[in-house]
Amino acid sequence: MQAITAPMPISKPMRWTGRIISGLAVLFLLFDGVIKLINIQPVVDSSIQLGLPVDLAPRVGILLLVCLAVYLIPRNAVLGAILLTGYLGGAIAIQARSGAELFSLVFPLIIGALLWGGLFLRDPQLRALVPLRR
């Protein structure tokens, strides 16, 4: 038999903290997706440095913005977080392959932690699924 755990109610300060944390990550990813979509010169330079085709950046930007849209729909936020985790993992892999410095490898991890941490703080069902223990 499985025990069914009811989601614990979340306080307003915790919910708002989760929204702010998620918002920081969302703002960065929105900015990143838009600059990739319009393919500005720093994106072109980064693509060349990473060994990626320059015309790939707008398609990557669209992919990022679609994943972000899924994350922003409260009902689909966990699916969006999973998709964005895959996207950020790809970013880490490309940075590692190009021999990037440590910050470029760790920054996607920080963004992923903000996405999941903010979602954890504001979603009672996720908190019930992944309970923290003392």
N, C-alpha and C. Protein backbone atom coordinates (compact mmCIF):
# COMPACT_ATOMS: atom_id res chain seq x y z
N MET A 1 0.82 -1.17 0.00
CA MET A 1 0.00 0.00 0.00
C MET A 1 0.87 1.24 0.00
N GLN A 2 0.38 2.26 -0.69
CA GLN A 2 1.11 3.52 -0.74
C GLN A 2 0.44 4.53 0.18
N ALA A 3 1.24 5.28 0.86
CA ALA A 3 0.72 6.35 1.69
C ALA A 3 0.55 7.60 0.83
N ILE A 4 -0.58 8.21 0.92
CA ILE A 4 -0.86 9.43 0.17
C ILE A 4 -0.61 10.60 1.10
N THR A 5 0.30 11.47 0.67
CA THR A 5 0.59 12.64 1.48
C THR A 5 -0.06 13.85 0.86
N ALA A 6 -0.78 14.58 1.68
CA ALA A 6 -1.44 15.79 1.22
C ALA A 6 -0.41 16.92 1.19
N PRO A 7 -0.48 17.79 0.18
CA PRO A 7 0.45 18.90 0.13
C PRO A 7 0.26 19.83 1.33
N MET A 8 1.39 20.27 1.88
CA MET A 8 1.35 21.20 3.00
C MET A 8 1.06 22.60 2.47
N PRO A 9 0.27 23.37 3.19
CA PRO A 9 0.04 24.75 2.74
C PRO A 9 1.35 25.56 2.81
N ILE A 10 1.45 26.51 1.92
CA ILE A 10 2.66 27.33 1.84
C ILE A 10 2.32 28.74 2.31
N SER A 11 3.18 29.29 3.16
CA SER A 11 2.95 30.64 3.66
C SER A 11 3.17 31.66 2.55
N LYS A 12 2.58 32.84 2.72
CA LYS A 12 2.75 33.90 1.72
C LYS A 12 4.20 34.32 1.55
N PRO A 13 4.96 34.51 2.65
CA PRO A 13 6.37 34.88 2.45
C PRO A 13 7.16 33.81 1.68
N MET A 14 6.89 32.54 1.94
CA MET A 14 7.59 31.48 1.23
C MET A 14 7.21 31.49 -0.25
N ARG A 15 5.93 31.68 -0.53
CA ARG A 15 5.47 31.71 -1.93
C ARG A 15 6.12 32.88 -2.66
N TRP A 16 6.16 34.06 -2.02
CA TRP A 16 6.76 35.22 -2.67
C TRP A 16 8.26 35.08 -2.83
N THR A 17 8.90 34.46 -1.87
CA THR A 17 10.33 34.20 -2.00
C THR A 17 10.57 33.29 -3.20
N GLY A 18 9.75 32.26 -3.36
CA GLY A 18 9.86 31.37 -4.51
C GLY A 18 9.62 32.10 -5.82
N ARG A 19 8.66 33.00 -5.84
CA ARG A 19 8.39 33.77 -7.06
C ARG A 19 9.57 34.68 -7.41
N ILE A 20 10.15 35.30 -6.41
CA ILE A 20 11.29 36.19 -6.66
C ILE A 20 12.50 35.39 -7.16
N ILE A 21 12.77 34.27 -6.51
CA ILE A 21 13.90 33.43 -6.94
C ILE A 21 13.68 32.93 -8.36
N SER A 22 12.49 32.44 -8.64
CA SER A 22 12.18 31.99 -10.01
C SER A 22 12.27 33.14 -10.99
N GLY A 23 11.79 34.30 -10.57
CA GLY A 23 11.79 35.48 -11.44
C GLY A 23 13.19 35.88 -11.86
N LEU A 24 14.16 35.77 -10.96
CA LEU A 24 15.54 36.10 -11.32
C LEU A 24 16.05 35.19 -12.44
N ALA A 25 15.79 33.91 -12.29
CA ALA A 25 16.23 32.96 -13.32
C ALA A 25 15.47 33.20 -14.62
N VAL A 26 14.16 33.45 -14.52
CA VAL A 26 13.35 33.67 -15.72
C VAL A 26 13.81 34.91 -16.46
N LEU A 27 14.10 35.99 -15.74
CA LEU A 27 14.56 37.21 -16.40
C LEU A 27 15.87 36.98 -17.15
N PHE A 28 16.80 36.27 -16.54
CA PHE A 28 18.05 35.99 -17.24
C PHE A 28 17.80 35.14 -18.48
N LEU A 29 17.00 34.07 -18.34
CA LEU A 29 16.76 33.18 -19.47
C LEU A 29 15.97 33.88 -20.58
N LEU A 30 15.06 34.77 -20.21
CA LEU A 30 14.31 35.54 -21.20
C LEU A 30 15.28 36.44 -21.99
N PHE A 31 16.14 37.12 -21.28
CA PHE A 31 17.16 37.96 -21.92
C PHE A 31 18.04 37.11 -22.85
N ASP A 32 18.49 35.97 -22.35
CA ASP A 32 19.35 35.09 -23.13
C ASP A 32 18.65 34.58 -24.39
N GLY A 33 17.38 34.20 -24.24
CA GLY A 33 16.63 33.70 -25.39
C GLY A 33 16.41 34.78 -26.45
N VAL A 34 16.11 36.00 -26.00
CA VAL A 34 15.85 37.09 -26.95
C VAL A 34 17.12 37.48 -27.70
N ILE A 35 18.26 37.58 -26.99
CA ILE A 35 19.48 37.96 -27.71
C ILE A 35 19.93 36.86 -28.67
N LYS A 36 19.63 35.62 -28.35
CA LYS A 36 19.93 34.54 -29.29
C LYS A 36 18.99 34.62 -30.50
N LEU A 37 17.75 34.97 -30.24
CA LEU A 37 16.76 35.06 -31.31
C LEU A 37 17.12 36.16 -32.31
N ILE A 38 17.56 37.31 -31.82
CA ILE A 38 17.92 38.39 -32.74
C ILE A 38 19.38 38.31 -33.18
N ASN A 39 20.14 37.40 -32.59
CA ASN A 39 21.50 37.07 -33.02
C ASN A 39 22.42 38.28 -33.05
N ILE A 40 22.53 38.97 -31.91
CA ILE A 40 23.40 40.14 -31.82
C ILE A 40 24.87 39.72 -31.88
N GLN A 41 25.75 40.68 -32.05
CA GLN A 41 27.16 40.38 -32.28
C GLN A 41 27.82 39.57 -31.16
N PRO A 42 27.56 39.85 -29.86
CA PRO A 42 28.17 38.98 -28.84
C PRO A 42 27.73 37.52 -28.94
N VAL A 43 26.51 37.29 -29.40
CA VAL A 43 26.04 35.91 -29.60
C VAL A 43 26.79 35.27 -30.76
N VAL A 44 26.99 36.02 -31.81
CA VAL A 44 27.75 35.52 -32.96
C VAL A 44 29.18 35.17 -32.53
N ASP A 45 29.79 36.09 -31.75
CA ASP A 45 31.16 35.84 -31.28
C ASP A 45 31.23 34.61 -30.39
N SER A 46 30.26 34.45 -29.50
CA SER A 46 30.22 33.27 -28.62
C SER A 46 30.02 31.99 -29.41
N SER A 47 29.15 32.04 -30.41
CA SER A 47 28.92 30.86 -31.24
C SER A 47 30.20 30.41 -31.93
N ILE A 48 30.94 31.39 -32.45
CA ILE A 48 32.21 31.07 -33.11
C ILE A 48 33.19 30.49 -32.11
N GLN A 49 33.27 31.11 -30.92
CA GLN A 49 34.19 30.64 -29.89
C GLN A 49 33.86 29.21 -29.43
N LEU A 50 32.55 28.90 -29.37
CA LEU A 50 32.13 27.57 -28.92
C LEU A 50 32.14 26.53 -30.05
N GLY A 51 32.38 26.98 -31.27
CA GLY A 51 32.43 26.07 -32.40
C GLY A 51 31.05 25.67 -32.91
N LEU A 52 30.07 26.55 -32.70
CA LEU A 52 28.70 26.29 -33.16
C LEU A 52 28.41 27.10 -34.41
N PRO A 53 27.57 26.58 -35.31
CA PRO A 53 27.18 27.38 -36.47
C PRO A 53 26.45 28.65 -36.01
N VAL A 54 26.79 29.78 -36.61
CA VAL A 54 26.21 31.07 -36.21
C VAL A 54 24.71 31.09 -36.45
N ASP A 55 24.24 30.44 -37.51
CA ASP A 55 22.80 30.45 -37.81
C ASP A 55 21.98 29.54 -36.89
N LEU A 56 22.64 28.83 -35.99
CA LEU A 56 21.95 27.97 -35.03
C LEU A 56 21.38 28.76 -33.85
N ALA A 57 21.97 29.89 -33.52
CA ALA A 57 21.58 30.67 -32.34
C ALA A 57 20.10 31.05 -32.31
N PRO A 58 19.50 31.54 -33.41
CA PRO A 58 18.06 31.87 -33.32
C PRO A 58 17.19 30.65 -33.02
N ARG A 59 17.55 29.51 -33.55
CA ARG A 59 16.77 28.30 -33.25
C ARG A 59 16.93 27.88 -31.80
N VAL A 60 18.12 28.04 -31.26
CA VAL A 60 18.34 27.75 -29.84
C VAL A 60 17.56 28.74 -28.98
N GLY A 61 17.51 30.01 -29.42
CA GLY A 61 16.73 31.01 -28.71
C GLY A 61 15.25 30.68 -28.68
N ILE A 62 14.72 30.21 -29.81
CA ILE A 62 13.30 29.80 -29.86
C ILE A 62 13.06 28.62 -28.92
N LEU A 63 13.96 27.65 -28.95
CA LEU A 63 13.85 26.50 -28.05
C LEU A 63 13.83 26.94 -26.59
N LEU A 64 14.74 27.83 -26.23
CA LEU A 64 14.79 28.32 -24.86
C LEU A 64 13.51 29.05 -24.49
N LEU A 65 13.01 29.90 -25.37
CA LEU A 65 11.79 30.66 -25.06
C LEU A 65 10.57 29.75 -24.96
N VAL A 66 10.51 28.70 -25.74
CA VAL A 66 9.39 27.74 -25.63
C VAL A 66 9.46 27.00 -24.30
N CYS A 67 10.65 26.54 -23.93
CA CYS A 67 10.81 25.86 -22.63
C CYS A 67 10.45 26.81 -21.48
N LEU A 68 10.85 28.05 -21.61
CA LEU A 68 10.55 29.05 -20.59
C LEU A 68 9.05 29.32 -20.50
N ALA A 69 8.37 29.35 -21.64
CA ALA A 69 6.92 29.54 -21.64
C ALA A 69 6.22 28.38 -20.93
N VAL A 70 6.70 27.17 -21.15
CA VAL A 70 6.12 26.01 -20.46
C VAL A 70 6.34 26.15 -18.95
N TYR A 71 7.52 26.61 -18.54
CA TYR A 71 7.82 26.80 -17.12
C TYR A 71 6.92 27.87 -16.49
N LEU A 72 6.60 28.89 -17.25
CA LEU A 72 5.82 30.00 -16.70
C LEU A 72 4.33 29.70 -16.53
N ILE A 73 3.85 28.63 -17.13
CA ILE A 73 2.46 28.22 -16.95
C ILE A 73 2.42 27.39 -15.66
N PRO A 74 1.76 27.89 -14.60
CA PRO A 74 1.84 27.20 -13.31
C PRO A 74 1.52 25.71 -13.37
N ARG A 75 0.56 25.34 -14.16
CA ARG A 75 0.17 23.93 -14.26
C ARG A 75 1.28 23.06 -14.87
N ASN A 76 2.12 23.68 -15.71
CA ASN A 76 3.18 22.95 -16.42
C ASN A 76 4.57 23.26 -15.90
N ALA A 77 4.68 23.94 -14.76
CA ALA A 77 5.97 24.43 -14.28
C ALA A 77 6.99 23.31 -14.06
N VAL A 78 6.58 22.18 -13.55
CA VAL A 78 7.53 21.09 -13.31
C VAL A 78 8.06 20.56 -14.65
N LEU A 79 7.19 20.39 -15.63
CA LEU A 79 7.64 19.96 -16.96
C LEU A 79 8.61 20.99 -17.54
N GLY A 80 8.28 22.27 -17.39
CA GLY A 80 9.17 23.33 -17.87
C GLY A 80 10.52 23.28 -17.17
N ALA A 81 10.52 23.02 -15.86
CA ALA A 81 11.78 22.93 -15.13
C ALA A 81 12.61 21.74 -15.62
N ILE A 82 11.96 20.64 -15.95
CA ILE A 82 12.67 19.48 -16.48
C ILE A 82 13.28 19.81 -17.85
N LEU A 83 12.49 20.46 -18.71
CA LEU A 83 13.00 20.84 -20.03
C LEU A 83 14.17 21.82 -19.92
N LEU A 84 14.03 22.80 -19.03
CA LEU A 84 15.10 23.78 -18.85
C LEU A 84 16.35 23.15 -18.23
N THR A 85 16.16 22.14 -17.41
CA THR A 85 17.31 21.42 -16.86
C THR A 85 18.09 20.74 -17.98
N GLY A 86 17.38 20.14 -18.92
CA GLY A 86 18.05 19.55 -20.08
C GLY A 86 18.77 20.60 -20.92
N TYR A 87 18.12 21.73 -21.13
CA TYR A 87 18.72 22.82 -21.89
C TYR A 87 20.01 23.30 -21.21
N LEU A 88 19.93 23.51 -19.90
CA LEU A 88 21.10 23.99 -19.16
C LEU A 88 22.21 22.94 -19.11
N GLY A 89 21.83 21.67 -19.07
CA GLY A 89 22.83 20.60 -19.15
C GLY A 89 23.57 20.63 -20.48
N GLY A 90 22.84 20.91 -21.55
CA GLY A 90 23.49 21.05 -22.86
C GLY A 90 24.44 22.23 -22.88
N ALA A 91 24.04 23.32 -22.22
CA ALA A 91 24.92 24.49 -22.15
C ALA A 91 26.21 24.15 -21.41
N ILE A 92 26.09 23.39 -20.34
CA ILE A 92 27.28 22.98 -19.58
C ILE A 92 28.17 22.09 -20.46
N ALA A 93 27.56 21.16 -21.19
CA ALA A 93 28.34 20.26 -22.04
C ALA A 93 29.10 21.02 -23.12
N ILE A 94 28.45 22.00 -23.74
CA ILE A 94 29.11 22.77 -24.80
C ILE A 94 30.25 23.60 -24.21
N GLN A 95 30.00 24.19 -23.04
CA GLN A 95 31.06 24.98 -22.39
C GLN A 95 32.24 24.09 -22.01
N ALA A 96 31.96 22.91 -21.49
CA ALA A 96 33.03 21.99 -21.09
C ALA A 96 33.84 21.54 -22.30
N ARG A 97 33.14 21.27 -23.39
CA ARG A 97 33.82 20.83 -24.62
C ARG A 97 34.75 21.89 -25.16
N SER A 98 34.37 23.16 -24.97
CA SER A 98 35.20 24.25 -25.50
C SER A 98 36.32 24.66 -24.54
N GLY A 99 36.36 24.04 -23.36
CA GLY A 99 37.41 24.37 -22.40
C GLY A 99 37.19 25.69 -21.69
N ALA A 100 35.93 26.04 -21.43
CA ALA A 100 35.60 27.31 -20.79
C ALA A 100 36.07 27.33 -19.34
N GLU A 101 36.16 28.54 -18.80
CA GLU A 101 36.57 28.68 -17.40
C GLU A 101 35.46 28.18 -16.47
N LEU A 102 35.80 28.07 -15.20
CA LEU A 102 34.92 27.47 -14.20
C LEU A 102 33.57 28.19 -14.09
N PHE A 103 33.58 29.52 -14.12
CA PHE A 103 32.33 30.26 -13.97
C PHE A 103 31.33 29.90 -15.07
N SER A 104 31.81 29.76 -16.30
CA SER A 104 30.92 29.40 -17.42
C SER A 104 30.32 28.01 -17.25
N LEU A 105 31.00 27.15 -16.52
CA LEU A 105 30.47 25.81 -16.25
C LEU A 105 29.47 25.83 -15.09
N VAL A 106 29.72 26.68 -14.10
CA VAL A 106 28.90 26.69 -12.89
C VAL A 106 27.65 27.55 -13.06
N PHE A 107 27.72 28.59 -13.89
CA PHE A 107 26.58 29.50 -14.01
C PHE A 107 25.29 28.81 -14.43
N PRO A 108 25.28 27.90 -15.42
CA PRO A 108 24.03 27.19 -15.72
C PRO A 108 23.51 26.38 -14.53
N LEU A 109 24.42 25.85 -13.71
CA LEU A 109 23.99 25.14 -12.50
C LEU A 109 23.27 26.08 -11.54
N ILE A 110 23.78 27.29 -11.42
CA ILE A 110 23.15 28.29 -10.54
C ILE A 110 21.76 28.63 -11.06
N ILE A 111 21.63 28.84 -12.35
CA ILE A 111 20.32 29.16 -12.93
C ILE A 111 19.35 27.99 -12.71
N GLY A 112 19.81 26.77 -12.91
CA GLY A 112 18.96 25.60 -12.67
C GLY A 112 18.54 25.50 -11.21
N ALA A 113 19.46 25.78 -10.30
CA ALA A 113 19.13 25.76 -8.87
C ALA A 113 18.10 26.83 -8.53
N LEU A 114 18.22 28.00 -9.15
CA LEU A 114 17.21 29.05 -8.93
C LEU A 114 15.84 28.62 -9.45
N LEU A 115 15.82 28.01 -10.64
CA LEU A 115 14.54 27.54 -11.21
C LEU A 115 13.87 26.53 -10.29
N TRP A 116 14.64 25.50 -9.90
CA TRP A 116 14.07 24.44 -9.06
C TRP A 116 13.79 24.91 -7.65
N GLY A 117 14.70 25.73 -7.09
CA GLY A 117 14.51 26.24 -5.74
C GLY A 117 13.28 27.12 -5.63
N GLY A 118 13.10 28.01 -6.60
CA GLY A 118 11.92 28.86 -6.61
C GLY A 118 10.64 28.06 -6.77
N LEU A 119 10.68 27.07 -7.64
CA LEU A 119 9.52 26.21 -7.83
C LEU A 119 9.21 25.40 -6.58
N PHE A 120 10.25 24.92 -5.92
CA PHE A 120 10.08 24.14 -4.69
C PHE A 120 9.40 24.99 -3.61
N LEU A 121 9.79 26.24 -3.51
CA LEU A 121 9.22 27.12 -2.48
C LEU A 121 7.77 27.51 -2.76
N ARG A 122 7.38 27.53 -4.03
CA ARG A 122 6.03 28.00 -4.34
C ARG A 122 5.03 26.91 -4.73
N ASP A 123 5.48 25.67 -4.87
CA ASP A 123 4.59 24.59 -5.31
C ASP A 123 4.43 23.54 -4.22
N PRO A 124 3.25 23.48 -3.60
CA PRO A 124 3.05 22.52 -2.51
C PRO A 124 3.13 21.06 -2.96
N GLN A 125 2.74 20.78 -4.19
CA GLN A 125 2.79 19.39 -4.67
C GLN A 125 4.24 18.93 -4.84
N LEU A 126 5.10 19.81 -5.31
CA LEU A 126 6.51 19.47 -5.43
C LEU A 126 7.13 19.28 -4.05
N ARG A 127 6.74 20.11 -3.10
CA ARG A 127 7.25 19.97 -1.73
C ARG A 127 6.80 18.64 -1.12
N ALA A 128 5.59 18.20 -1.45
CA ALA A 128 5.12 16.91 -0.94
C ALA A 128 5.85 15.74 -1.61
N LEU A 129 6.20 15.94 -2.89
CA LEU A 129 6.89 14.89 -3.64
C LEU A 129 8.34 14.74 -3.19
N VAL A 130 8.97 15.86 -2.88
CA VAL A 130 10.38 15.85 -2.48
C VAL A 130 10.49 16.52 -1.10
N PRO A 131 10.13 15.79 -0.06
CA PRO A 131 10.18 16.41 1.26
C PRO A 131 11.61 16.53 1.77
N LEU A 132 11.87 17.65 2.41
CA LEU A 132 13.18 17.83 3.06
C LEU A 132 13.12 17.21 4.44
N ARG A 133 14.19 16.56 4.84
CA ARG A 133 14.23 15.92 6.16
C ARG A 133 15.22 16.64 7.03
N ARG A 134 14.95 16.61 8.30
CA ARG A 134 15.86 17.26 9.25
C ARG A 134 16.93 16.32 9.70
